[in-house]
C-alpha atoms as a PDB file:
ATOM      1  CA  UNK A   1      51.571 182.083 158.002  1.00  0.00           C
ATOM      2  CA  UNK A   2      50.497 178.990 156.042  1.00  0.00           C
ATOM      3  CA  UNK A   3      46.775 178.241 155.572  1.00  0.00           C
ATOM      4  CA  UNK A   4      45.977 180.424 158.564  1.00  0.00           C
ATOM      5  CA  UNK A   5      48.482 178.688 160.853  1.00  0.00           C
ATOM      6  CA  UNK A   6      51.082 180.681 162.745  1.00  0.00           C
ATOM      7  CA  UNK A   7      54.469 179.142 163.524  1.00  0.00           C
ATOM      8  CA  UNK A   8      55.193 178.678 167.246  1.00  0.00           C
ATOM      9  CA  UNK A   9      58.196 176.319 167.430  1.00  0.00           C
ATOM     10  CA  UNK A  10      60.128 173.584 165.661  1.00  0.00           C
ATOM     11  CA  UNK A  11      61.987 170.641 167.166  1.00  0.00           C
ATOM     12  CA  UNK A  12      60.571 171.379 170.612  1.00  0.00           C
ATOM     13  CA  UNK A  13      62.542 169.092 172.923  1.00  0.00           C
ATOM     14  CA  UNK A  14      61.362 167.910 176.323  1.00  0.00           C
ATOM     15  CA  UNK A  15      62.616 165.242 178.737  1.00  0.00           C
ATOM     16  CA  UNK A  16      59.808 162.964 177.478  1.00  0.00           C
ATOM     17  CA  UNK A  17      59.955 163.530 173.707  1.00  0.00           C
ATOM     18  CA  UNK A  18      60.226 165.959 170.818  1.00  0.00           C
ATOM     19  CA  UNK A  19      57.619 167.700 168.688  1.00  0.00           C
ATOM     20  CA  UNK A  20      58.648 168.482 165.105  1.00  0.00           C
ATOM     21  CA  UNK A  21      56.395 171.530 164.651  1.00  0.00           C
ATOM     22  CA  UNK A  22      54.032 173.514 166.835  1.00  0.00           C
ATOM     23  CA  UNK A  23      51.588 175.757 165.021  1.00  0.00           C
ATOM     24  CA  UNK A  24      48.646 177.896 166.106  1.00  0.00           C
ATOM     25  CA  UNK A  25      45.379 178.682 164.390  1.00  0.00           C
ATOM     26  CA  UNK A  26      42.937 180.728 166.414  1.00  0.00           C
ATOM     27  CA  UNK A  27      42.554 179.006 169.797  1.00  0.00           C
ATOM     28  CA  UNK A  28      43.937 175.733 168.423  1.00  0.00           C
ATOM     29  CA  UNK A  29      47.484 174.563 169.078  1.00  0.00           C
ATOM     30  CA  UNK A  30      48.613 171.898 166.596  1.00  0.00           C
ATOM     31  CA  UNK A  31      51.465 169.521 167.402  1.00  0.00           C
ATOM     32  CA  UNK A  32      52.794 168.107 164.130  1.00  0.00           C
ATOM     33  CA  UNK A  33      54.907 165.011 163.514  1.00  0.00           C
ATOM     34  CA  UNK A  34      56.678 165.137 160.138  1.00  0.00           C
ATOM     35  CA  UNK A  35      57.692 161.805 158.597  1.00  0.00           C
ATOM     36  CA  UNK A  36      59.649 161.381 155.357  1.00  0.00           C
ATOM     37  CA  UNK A  37      59.996 157.978 153.712  1.00  0.00           C
ATOM     38  CA  UNK A  38      60.103 156.598 150.169  1.00  0.00           C
ATOM     39  CA  UNK A  39      56.295 156.549 150.066  1.00  0.00           C
ATOM     40  CA  UNK A  40      53.587 158.431 151.921  1.00  0.00           C
ATOM     41  CA  UNK A  41      52.148 155.122 153.063  1.00  0.00           C
ATOM     42  CA  UNK A  42      55.427 154.018 154.670  1.00  0.00           C
ATOM     43  CA  UNK A  43      55.761 157.477 156.247  1.00  0.00           C
ATOM     44  CA  UNK A  44      52.309 157.147 157.814  1.00  0.00           C
ATOM     45  CA  UNK A  45      52.969 153.584 158.943  1.00  0.00           C
ATOM     46  CA  UNK A  46      56.192 154.675 160.637  1.00  0.00           C
ATOM     47  CA  UNK A  47      54.300 156.666 163.275  1.00  0.00           C
ATOM     48  CA  UNK A  48      54.092 153.993 165.969  1.00  0.00           C
ATOM     49  CA  UNK A  49      51.937 153.931 169.073  1.00  0.00           C
ATOM     50  CA  UNK A  50      55.085 154.461 171.149  1.00  0.00           C
ATOM     51  CA  UNK A  51      55.929 157.619 169.167  1.00  0.00           C
ATOM     52  CA  UNK A  52      52.367 158.885 169.518  1.00  0.00           C
ATOM     53  CA  UNK A  53      52.609 158.409 173.265  1.00  0.00           C
ATOM     54  CA  UNK A  54      55.925 160.296 173.471  1.00  0.00           C
ATOM     55  CA  UNK A  55      54.604 163.145 171.322  1.00  0.00           C
ATOM     56  CA  UNK A  56      51.452 163.286 173.454  1.00  0.00           C
ATOM     57  CA  UNK A  57      53.556 163.568 176.633  1.00  0.00           C
ATOM     58  CA  UNK A  58      55.692 166.258 174.978  1.00  0.00           C
ATOM     59  CA  UNK A  59      52.462 168.085 174.120  1.00  0.00           C
ATOM     60  CA  UNK A  60      51.390 167.885 177.750  1.00  0.00           C
ATOM     61  CA  UNK A  61      54.782 169.341 178.715  1.00  0.00           C
ATOM     62  CA  UNK A  62      54.356 172.253 176.290  1.00  0.00           C
ATOM     63  CA  UNK A  63      50.788 172.826 177.462  1.00  0.00           C
ATOM     64  CA  UNK A  64      51.843 172.921 181.130  1.00  0.00           C
ATOM     65  CA  UNK A  65      54.449 175.605 180.369  1.00  0.00           C
ATOM     66  CA  UNK A  66      52.780 177.745 177.700  1.00  0.00           C
ATOM     67  CA  UNK A  67      49.143 176.685 177.399  1.00  0.00           C
ATOM     68  CA  UNK A  68      46.034 178.667 178.234  1.00  0.00           C
ATOM     69  CA  UNK A  69      42.737 177.312 179.592  1.00  0.00           C
ATOM     70  CA  UNK A  70      40.787 178.240 176.446  1.00  0.00           C
ATOM     71  CA  UNK A  71      43.134 176.478 174.001  1.00  0.00           C
ATOM     72  CA  UNK A  72      42.266 173.391 171.993  1.00  0.00           C
ATOM     73  CA  UNK A  73      44.977 170.862 171.148  1.00  0.00           C
ATOM     74  CA  UNK A  74      45.363 168.655 168.096  1.00  0.00           C
ATOM     75  CA  UNK A  75      47.967 166.145 166.890  1.00  0.00           C
ATOM     76  CA  UNK A  76      48.644 166.019 163.144  1.00  0.00           C
ATOM     77  CA  UNK A  77      50.996 164.091 160.885  1.00  0.00           C
ATOM     78  CA  UNK A  78      52.588 165.352 157.680  1.00  0.00           C
ATOM     79  CA  UNK A  79      53.718 162.445 155.504  1.00  0.00           C
ATOM     80  CA  UNK A  80      56.333 163.129 152.849  1.00  0.00           C
ATOM     81  CA  UNK A  81      57.059 160.441 150.306  1.00  0.00           C
ATOM     82  CA  UNK A  82      58.476 160.191 146.824  1.00  0.00           C
ATOM     83  CA  UNK A  83      57.414 162.822 144.347  1.00  0.00           C
ATOM     84  CA  UNK A  84      53.945 163.266 145.834  1.00  0.00           C
ATOM     85  CA  UNK A  85      52.840 166.420 147.575  1.00  0.00           C
ATOM     86  CA  UNK A  86      53.084 166.087 151.367  1.00  0.00           C
ATOM     87  CA  UNK A  87      49.928 164.674 152.932  1.00  0.00           C
ATOM     88  CA  UNK A  88      48.570 166.483 155.994  1.00  0.00           C
ATOM     89  CA  UNK A  89      46.527 164.233 158.298  1.00  0.00           C
ATOM     90  CA  UNK A  90      44.599 166.423 160.704  1.00  0.00           C
ATOM     91  CA  UNK A  91      43.746 165.051 164.159  1.00  0.00           C
ATOM     92  CA  UNK A  92      45.797 161.927 163.452  1.00  0.00           C
ATOM     93  CA  UNK A  93      45.209 160.573 166.963  1.00  0.00           C
ATOM     94  CA  UNK A  94      43.360 161.336 170.187  1.00  0.00           C
ATOM     95  CA  UNK A  95      44.267 164.799 171.404  1.00  0.00           C
ATOM     96  CA  UNK A  96      42.626 165.136 174.789  1.00  0.00           C
ATOM     97  CA  UNK A  97      44.976 167.229 176.928  1.00  0.00           C
END
């Protein structure tokens, strides 16, 4: 468990997209996109609207199979770049499922 998050899955593949990490904290399910580039900035910029849409649809797929009515969903990005510590962007985009 890291910072109160419990690991659920990694590289969750669906017909509509893939989610790098799925974690749980309380009632919250967090879908995480991990991007590694030379800089954190380029890692963050590499998450395109098209990717967000695919990850969102993959999140809907996961939720339809494993979700519960009382769960809250969030989409995060972890940007890895250079020698800096990874940057965790919570609620990186709209997460209404």
